[in-house]
Amino acid sequence: MKFEKSFIISLVLLIVIATSVTASFLYFKYIYKEERIVEIGDCIEIEYVGRYASNNTVFDTNNVTIAKEEGLYDENRTYEPLKVYINPDDKKIPPEGYEDYRTIIEGLKEGLIGMKEGESKTIGPIPPEKAYGKPVTVNTTFNTSLFTFGRFQQEFKVLKVAKDYLVLRWEVKLGMNFTIFPFWENGTTVSKVNDTMVWLITTPTQTENLTIFEEWPNLTTVVYNETNITFIQNPKVGTNTTNPFNPADQNFYKIINLTDKKIIVSYKDQNGTTHTTEWNRTISMARVVNQTRIYNLSSMFFPYLENDISSYGFSFNKLAGEALYYDVKILKVHKLS
């Protein structure tokens, strides 16, 4: 039986193609592994050994064998891969499903980018400014709102540093203005200052249509003299209100009269019986107050200052001021984009 030459050629090509496809399938299934390179936005798992650049001493590792060899083993610690989020500069929170992955110091993150899954590498020396910053020392200055309950930033200077406490001084100057009350912008002024104390005087910049209680918007007026500031509430007679002086009070009240000192209100109890009571119409405060410039801060407050001082390149971390090396191995790369 004779076959056309073109048929034989086609048959050979078909066999070659089929063989190639099978070989390619087997290669990609059993031999080929996709090369996973660490990029911004990835979540990765690493093994690491941290060393001081100054003397090569190991200060931390998640490798249990090395921890025992270096005398760092802690029986209360779980030695497992470190889960790292390679975050963009403007994003610290890891993606959904990877909440247990953490951000790391800038120098280590930069060294991990571009590494491949399974690759080992020594990263460093990482300078303090890309590691844990500079240590807090005497005369370090920074701004914080910790002592003003988040209302405004003020400059503080470190007078003394110890392991378990810090002494700070509020760096105020005569004539400085602050916005302590949100409705009086720059209404508080430093009237006197010495080494340990500061005197503040508040001058209302608005005396009508103030909102002190959200139940009575624009219904507060102010009078003041050299020593006191008095807030006068002016709710409208005949209107209904909740109790602005006691948020836990679930009763509803009706304003029935105003006197110079009191607000007369009525309410009904659960049985429908009407009762009458009164609230103070005025609230007074001292116009001039003095407060300390010196703050003795226990170490329990250090974490609350960490964000403030880090913006100036400082840190309370024990590794602050140290250049570091990290020996790392990329165990797993999770590509999230």
Protein backbone atom coordinates (compact mmCIF):
# COMPACT_ATOMS: atom_id res chain seq x y z
CA MET A 1 0.00 0.00 0.00
CA LYS A 2 1.36 3.31 -1.04
CA PHE A 3 0.81 6.51 0.91
CA GLU A 4 0.93 9.93 -0.49
CA LYS A 5 4.14 11.73 0.46
CA SER A 6 2.15 14.67 1.85
CA PHE A 7 0.19 12.30 4.11
CA ILE A 8 3.37 10.82 5.57
CA ILE A 9 4.80 14.26 6.21
CA SER A 10 1.58 15.34 7.95
CA LEU A 11 1.58 12.20 10.07
CA VAL A 12 5.17 12.83 11.18
CA LEU A 13 4.38 16.43 12.04
CA LEU A 14 1.33 15.34 14.04
CA ILE A 15 3.43 12.88 16.05
CA VAL A 16 6.08 15.52 16.70
CA ILE A 17 3.48 18.07 17.83
CA ALA A 18 1.73 15.54 20.09
CA THR A 19 5.05 14.53 21.65
CA SER A 20 6.02 18.15 22.20
CA VAL A 21 2.69 18.99 23.81
CA THR A 22 2.93 15.97 26.12
CA ALA A 23 6.50 16.82 27.06
CA SER A 24 5.57 20.45 27.70
CA PHE A 25 2.64 19.38 29.86
CA LEU A 26 4.81 17.05 31.92
CA TYR A 27 7.51 19.71 32.24
CA PHE A 28 5.17 22.40 33.53
CA LYS A 29 3.37 19.96 35.80
CA TYR A 30 6.29 18.13 37.40
CA ILE A 31 9.50 20.07 36.70
CA TYR A 32 8.87 23.77 36.08
CA LYS A 33 8.26 26.03 39.03
CA GLU A 34 7.12 29.59 38.52
CA GLU A 35 9.81 32.03 39.61
CA ARG A 36 8.29 34.11 42.39
CA ILE A 37 10.12 37.39 42.95
CA VAL A 38 9.35 39.62 45.93
CA GLU A 39 7.62 42.86 44.93
CA ILE A 40 5.74 45.70 46.64
CA GLY A 41 2.32 44.45 47.73
CA ASP A 42 3.38 40.82 48.30
CA CYS A 43 3.04 38.90 51.53
CA ILE A 44 6.02 36.66 52.25
CA GLU A 45 7.35 34.26 54.85
CA ILE A 46 11.01 34.38 55.82
CA GLU A 47 13.59 32.84 58.10
CA TYR A 48 16.04 35.36 59.52
CA VAL A 49 19.03 35.92 61.76
CA GLY A 50 19.64 39.49 62.97
CA ARG A 51 23.20 40.59 63.80
CA TYR A 52 24.79 43.79 65.10
CA ALA A 53 27.02 45.27 62.42
CA SER A 54 29.42 46.52 65.10
CA ASN A 55 30.44 43.12 66.48
CA ASN A 56 28.50 40.49 64.48
CA THR A 57 26.63 39.36 67.61
CA VAL A 58 23.27 37.71 66.95
CA PHE A 59 20.44 39.61 68.69
CA ASP A 60 17.42 37.78 67.27
CA THR A 61 16.38 34.87 65.07
CA ASN A 62 13.34 32.73 64.32
CA ASN A 63 15.56 29.68 63.68
CA VAL A 64 15.32 27.54 66.81
CA THR A 65 18.66 25.80 66.24
CA ILE A 66 20.56 29.09 65.92
CA ALA A 67 18.66 30.53 68.90
CA LYS A 68 19.93 27.67 71.06
CA GLU A 69 23.46 27.95 69.70
CA GLU A 70 23.56 31.69 70.43
CA GLY A 71 22.00 31.45 73.88
CA LEU A 72 18.84 33.29 72.78
CA TYR A 73 16.40 30.40 73.07
CA ASP A 74 13.12 31.29 74.78
CA GLU A 75 10.89 28.36 75.68
CA ASN A 76 7.86 30.66 75.70
CA ARG A 77 8.42 31.71 72.09
CA THR A 78 7.14 29.90 69.01
CA TYR A 79 9.90 29.64 66.40
CA GLU A 80 8.16 29.86 63.05
CA PRO A 81 8.52 31.77 59.76
CA LEU A 82 8.14 35.54 60.06
CA LYS A 83 5.12 36.71 58.05
CA VAL A 84 5.95 39.98 56.32
CA TYR A 85 3.83 42.41 54.33
CA ILE A 86 5.91 44.27 51.72
CA ASN A 87 3.80 47.36 52.03
CA PRO A 88 3.66 50.44 49.82
CA ASP A 89 4.99 53.51 51.66
CA ASP A 90 1.49 54.92 52.16
CA LYS A 91 -0.13 51.71 53.41
CA LYS A 92 0.60 49.84 56.64
CA ILE A 93 -2.42 47.55 56.97
CA PRO A 94 -2.05 44.17 55.18
CA PRO A 95 -4.73 42.94 52.74
CA GLU A 96 -7.79 41.01 53.86
CA GLY A 97 -6.92 37.42 54.65
CA TYR A 98 -3.33 38.33 55.56
CA GLU A 99 -4.00 40.24 58.78
CA ASP A 100 -1.27 38.33 60.66
CA TYR A 101 1.43 39.64 58.29
CA ARG A 102 3.45 42.57 59.63
CA THR A 103 5.41 45.49 58.25
CA ILE A 104 9.16 45.67 58.90
CA ILE A 105 11.96 48.25 59.01
CA GLU A 106 12.63 50.08 55.76
CA GLY A 107 16.17 48.78 55.19
CA LEU A 108 15.12 45.15 55.53
CA LYS A 109 12.12 45.66 53.25
CA GLU A 110 14.31 47.23 50.57
CA GLY A 111 16.72 44.29 50.76
CA LEU A 112 13.94 41.71 50.39
CA ILE A 113 12.48 43.29 47.25
CA GLY A 114 13.80 41.47 44.19
CA MET A 115 14.70 38.25 46.02
CA LYS A 116 13.31 34.96 44.74
CA GLU A 117 11.37 32.32 46.61
CA GLY A 118 13.94 29.91 48.08
CA GLU A 119 16.80 32.43 47.83
CA SER A 120 19.11 33.26 50.77
CA LYS A 121 20.90 36.55 51.20
CA THR A 122 22.64 38.80 53.74
CA ILE A 123 21.07 42.26 53.86
CA GLY A 124 23.08 45.11 55.32
CA PRO A 125 24.63 46.90 56.90
CA ILE A 126 21.32 48.69 57.45
CA PRO A 127 21.99 52.16 58.94
CA PRO A 128 19.96 53.30 61.99
CA GLU A 129 17.87 55.72 59.91
CA LYS A 130 16.53 52.75 57.92
CA ALA A 131 16.39 50.43 60.92
CA TYR A 132 15.16 51.49 64.36
CA GLY A 133 16.18 55.14 64.29
CA LYS A 134 18.26 57.19 66.69
CA PRO A 135 18.05 56.64 70.45
CA VAL A 136 16.26 59.22 72.57
CA THR A 137 18.88 61.20 74.50
CA VAL A 138 19.06 64.30 76.70
CA ASN A 139 18.13 67.45 74.71
CA THR A 140 16.14 65.47 72.13
CA THR A 141 13.16 67.63 71.10
CA PHE A 142 9.91 66.57 69.45
CA ASN A 143 6.27 67.58 69.15
CA THR A 144 3.41 65.61 70.67
CA SER A 145 -0.27 66.07 71.54
CA LEU A 146 -0.15 63.40 74.29
CA PHE A 147 -0.47 65.95 77.09
CA THR A 148 -3.21 67.97 75.41
CA PHE A 149 -5.43 64.93 74.79
CA GLY A 150 -4.83 65.11 71.06
CA ARG A 151 -6.06 68.69 70.69
CA PHE A 152 -2.84 70.39 69.59
CA GLN A 153 0.86 69.64 69.17
CA GLN A 154 3.45 71.11 71.54
CA GLU A 155 7.24 70.91 71.63
CA PHE A 156 8.95 68.98 74.43
CA LYS A 157 12.61 68.58 75.36
CA VAL A 158 14.10 65.51 77.04
CA LEU A 159 15.79 66.45 80.34
CA LYS A 160 16.62 62.95 81.54
CA VAL A 161 16.50 59.42 80.08
CA ALA A 162 16.41 56.21 82.10
CA LYS A 163 15.40 52.64 81.29
CA ASP A 164 12.03 52.93 82.99
CA TYR A 165 11.22 56.64 82.86
CA LEU A 166 11.70 59.89 80.98
CA VAL A 167 11.71 63.51 82.17
CA LEU A 168 10.30 66.03 79.68
CA ARG A 169 9.91 69.81 79.71
CA TRP A 170 7.22 71.66 77.81
CA GLU A 171 9.03 74.23 75.64
CA VAL A 172 6.66 77.21 75.87
CA LYS A 173 7.44 80.90 75.46
CA LEU A 174 5.73 84.03 76.73
CA GLY A 175 3.02 85.20 74.34
CA MET A 176 2.46 81.86 72.58
CA ASN A 177 -1.16 81.22 71.56
CA PHE A 178 -3.11 77.94 71.60
CA THR A 179 -6.54 76.72 70.58
CA ILE A 180 -7.64 74.86 73.68
CA PHE A 181 -11.36 75.51 73.10
CA PRO A 182 -12.38 74.69 69.50
CA PHE A 183 -14.76 77.67 69.29
CA TRP A 184 -12.01 80.15 70.35
CA GLU A 185 -9.19 79.81 67.84
CA ASN A 186 -5.86 80.91 69.38
CA GLY A 187 -7.86 82.21 72.33
CA THR A 188 -5.45 80.97 75.02
CA THR A 189 -2.14 82.78 75.61
CA VAL A 190 0.94 82.12 77.74
CA SER A 191 0.89 85.03 80.20
CA LYS A 192 3.75 83.92 82.44
CA VAL A 193 6.40 81.19 82.40
CA ASN A 194 9.29 80.03 84.57
CA ASP A 195 11.53 76.94 84.64
CA THR A 196 8.86 74.61 85.98
CA MET A 197 5.43 76.24 85.53
CA VAL A 198 3.37 78.03 82.88
CA TRP A 199 0.37 80.36 83.30
CA LEU A 200 -2.34 80.42 80.61
CA ILE A 201 -5.07 83.04 80.15
CA THR A 202 -8.09 82.48 77.91
CA THR A 203 -9.83 85.39 76.18
CA PRO A 204 -13.09 84.42 74.42
CA THR A 205 -13.05 85.41 70.75
CA GLN A 206 -16.80 84.72 70.42
CA THR A 207 -19.43 85.23 73.11
CA GLU A 208 -22.72 84.56 71.29
CA ASN A 209 -24.28 81.56 69.53
CA LEU A 210 -21.87 78.98 70.92
CA THR A 211 -22.58 75.24 71.01
CA ILE A 212 -21.52 73.67 74.29
CA PHE A 213 -24.12 70.90 74.31
CA GLU A 214 -25.25 69.28 71.07
CA GLU A 215 -28.82 69.24 72.43
CA TRP A 216 -28.76 73.07 72.38
CA PRO A 217 -26.88 74.19 69.26
CA ASN A 218 -25.93 77.88 69.11
CA LEU A 219 -27.76 78.49 72.40
CA THR A 220 -24.88 79.36 74.72
CA THR A 221 -23.59 82.85 75.54
CA VAL A 222 -20.45 83.80 77.48
CA VAL A 223 -19.56 86.55 79.92
CA TYR A 224 -16.11 86.99 81.45
CA ASN A 225 -14.00 89.21 83.66
CA GLU A 226 -10.37 89.21 84.77
CA THR A 227 -10.69 85.97 86.73
CA ASN A 228 -13.64 83.92 85.43
CA ILE A 229 -15.45 82.80 82.29
CA THR A 230 -19.13 81.90 82.63
CA PHE A 231 -21.15 79.90 80.09
CA ILE A 232 -24.89 80.62 80.10
CA GLN A 233 -27.27 78.09 78.55
CA ASN A 234 -30.32 79.49 76.74
CA PRO A 235 -32.60 76.62 75.70
CA LYS A 236 -35.99 77.71 74.41
CA VAL A 237 -38.90 77.47 76.81
CA GLY A 238 -41.48 74.94 75.62
CA THR A 239 -39.02 72.73 73.70
CA ASN A 240 -38.25 69.10 74.47
CA THR A 241 -34.76 67.83 75.21
CA THR A 242 -32.71 65.00 76.61
CA ASN A 243 -30.48 65.63 79.63
CA PRO A 244 -27.21 67.15 78.35
CA PHE A 245 -25.64 66.92 81.81
CA ASN A 246 -26.17 63.15 82.15
CA PRO A 247 -25.98 61.06 78.96
CA ALA A 248 -27.09 57.96 80.90
CA ASP A 249 -30.43 59.62 81.72
CA GLN A 250 -33.03 58.10 79.37
CA ASN A 251 -35.87 60.49 80.23
CA PHE A 252 -37.23 63.18 77.92
CA TYR A 253 -37.67 66.65 79.38
CA LYS A 254 -39.61 69.79 78.59
CA ILE A 255 -38.12 73.23 79.27
CA ILE A 256 -40.74 75.08 81.32
CA ASN A 257 -38.82 78.11 82.64
CA LEU A 258 -35.44 79.85 82.87
CA THR A 259 -34.10 81.82 85.84
CA ASP A 260 -30.77 83.58 86.16
CA LYS A 261 -29.18 80.45 87.66
CA LYS A 262 -31.47 77.54 86.83
CA ILE A 263 -33.23 75.71 83.97
CA ILE A 264 -36.59 74.37 85.15
CA VAL A 265 -37.71 71.18 83.40
CA SER A 266 -40.45 68.59 83.70
CA TYR A 267 -40.61 64.92 82.76
CA LYS A 268 -42.95 61.95 83.09
CA ASP A 269 -41.95 58.72 84.82
CA GLN A 270 -42.93 55.21 83.66
CA ASN A 271 -46.29 55.56 85.37
CA GLY A 272 -47.07 58.79 83.56
CA THR A 273 -46.64 60.96 86.63
CA THR A 274 -45.16 64.40 85.87
CA HIS A 275 -42.14 65.56 87.90
CA THR A 276 -40.32 68.86 87.97
CA THR A 277 -36.58 69.29 88.48
CA GLU A 278 -33.91 71.88 87.73
CA TRP A 279 -30.48 72.05 86.15
CA ASN A 280 -27.74 74.64 86.53
CA ARG A 281 -27.99 77.22 83.77
CA THR A 282 -24.45 78.53 84.20
CA ILE A 283 -21.04 76.89 84.21
CA SER A 284 -18.01 78.87 85.38
CA MET A 285 -14.30 78.27 85.00
CA ALA A 286 -11.13 80.12 85.92
CA ARG A 287 -9.86 82.34 83.16
CA VAL A 288 -6.24 81.97 84.28
CA VAL A 289 -4.82 78.51 84.97
CA ASN A 290 -1.31 77.35 85.75
CA GLN A 291 0.19 73.98 85.00
CA THR A 292 3.49 72.19 85.15
CA ARG A 293 6.13 72.28 82.43
CA ILE A 294 7.88 69.19 83.80
CA TYR A 295 6.54 65.69 83.09
CA ASN A 296 7.94 62.51 84.64
CA LEU A 297 6.85 59.82 82.24
CA SER A 298 6.93 56.13 83.12
CA SER A 299 8.02 53.63 80.45
CA MET A 300 4.42 52.42 80.16
CA PHE A 301 3.74 55.63 78.20
CA PHE A 302 6.65 55.16 75.75
CA PRO A 303 4.47 53.33 73.17
CA TYR A 304 2.12 56.34 73.10
CA LEU A 305 5.03 58.60 72.15
CA GLU A 306 6.61 56.23 69.62
CA ASN A 307 4.71 57.54 66.60
CA ASP A 308 5.52 61.15 67.51
CA ILE A 309 9.26 60.63 68.03
CA SER A 310 9.61 58.31 65.02
CA SER A 311 8.65 61.20 62.72
CA TYR A 312 11.86 62.88 63.94
CA GLY A 313 13.93 59.73 63.41
CA PHE A 314 14.02 58.67 67.09
CA SER A 315 12.91 55.48 68.83
CA PHE A 316 12.70 53.88 72.26
CA ASN A 317 13.55 50.49 70.72
CA LYS A 318 16.60 48.78 72.24
CA LEU A 319 18.05 48.56 68.73
CA ALA A 320 17.89 52.32 68.17
CA GLY A 321 21.25 53.70 67.04
CA GLU A 322 22.49 50.33 65.78
CA ALA A 323 23.51 49.37 62.24
CA LEU A 324 22.26 45.86 61.52
CA TYR A 325 22.72 42.82 59.28
CA TYR A 326 19.99 40.30 58.50
CA ASP A 327 20.66 36.84 57.05
CA VAL A 328 17.37 35.91 55.40
CA LYS A 329 15.83 33.10 53.38
CA ILE A 330 12.61 33.55 51.41
CA LEU A 331 10.43 30.56 52.28
CA LYS A 332 7.21 31.57 50.56
CA VAL A 333 5.97 34.41 48.35
CA HIS A 334 2.24 35.15 48.09
CA LYS A 335 1.53 37.22 44.97
CA LEU A 336 -1.51 39.39 45.67
CA SER A 337 -1.68 41.40 42.46
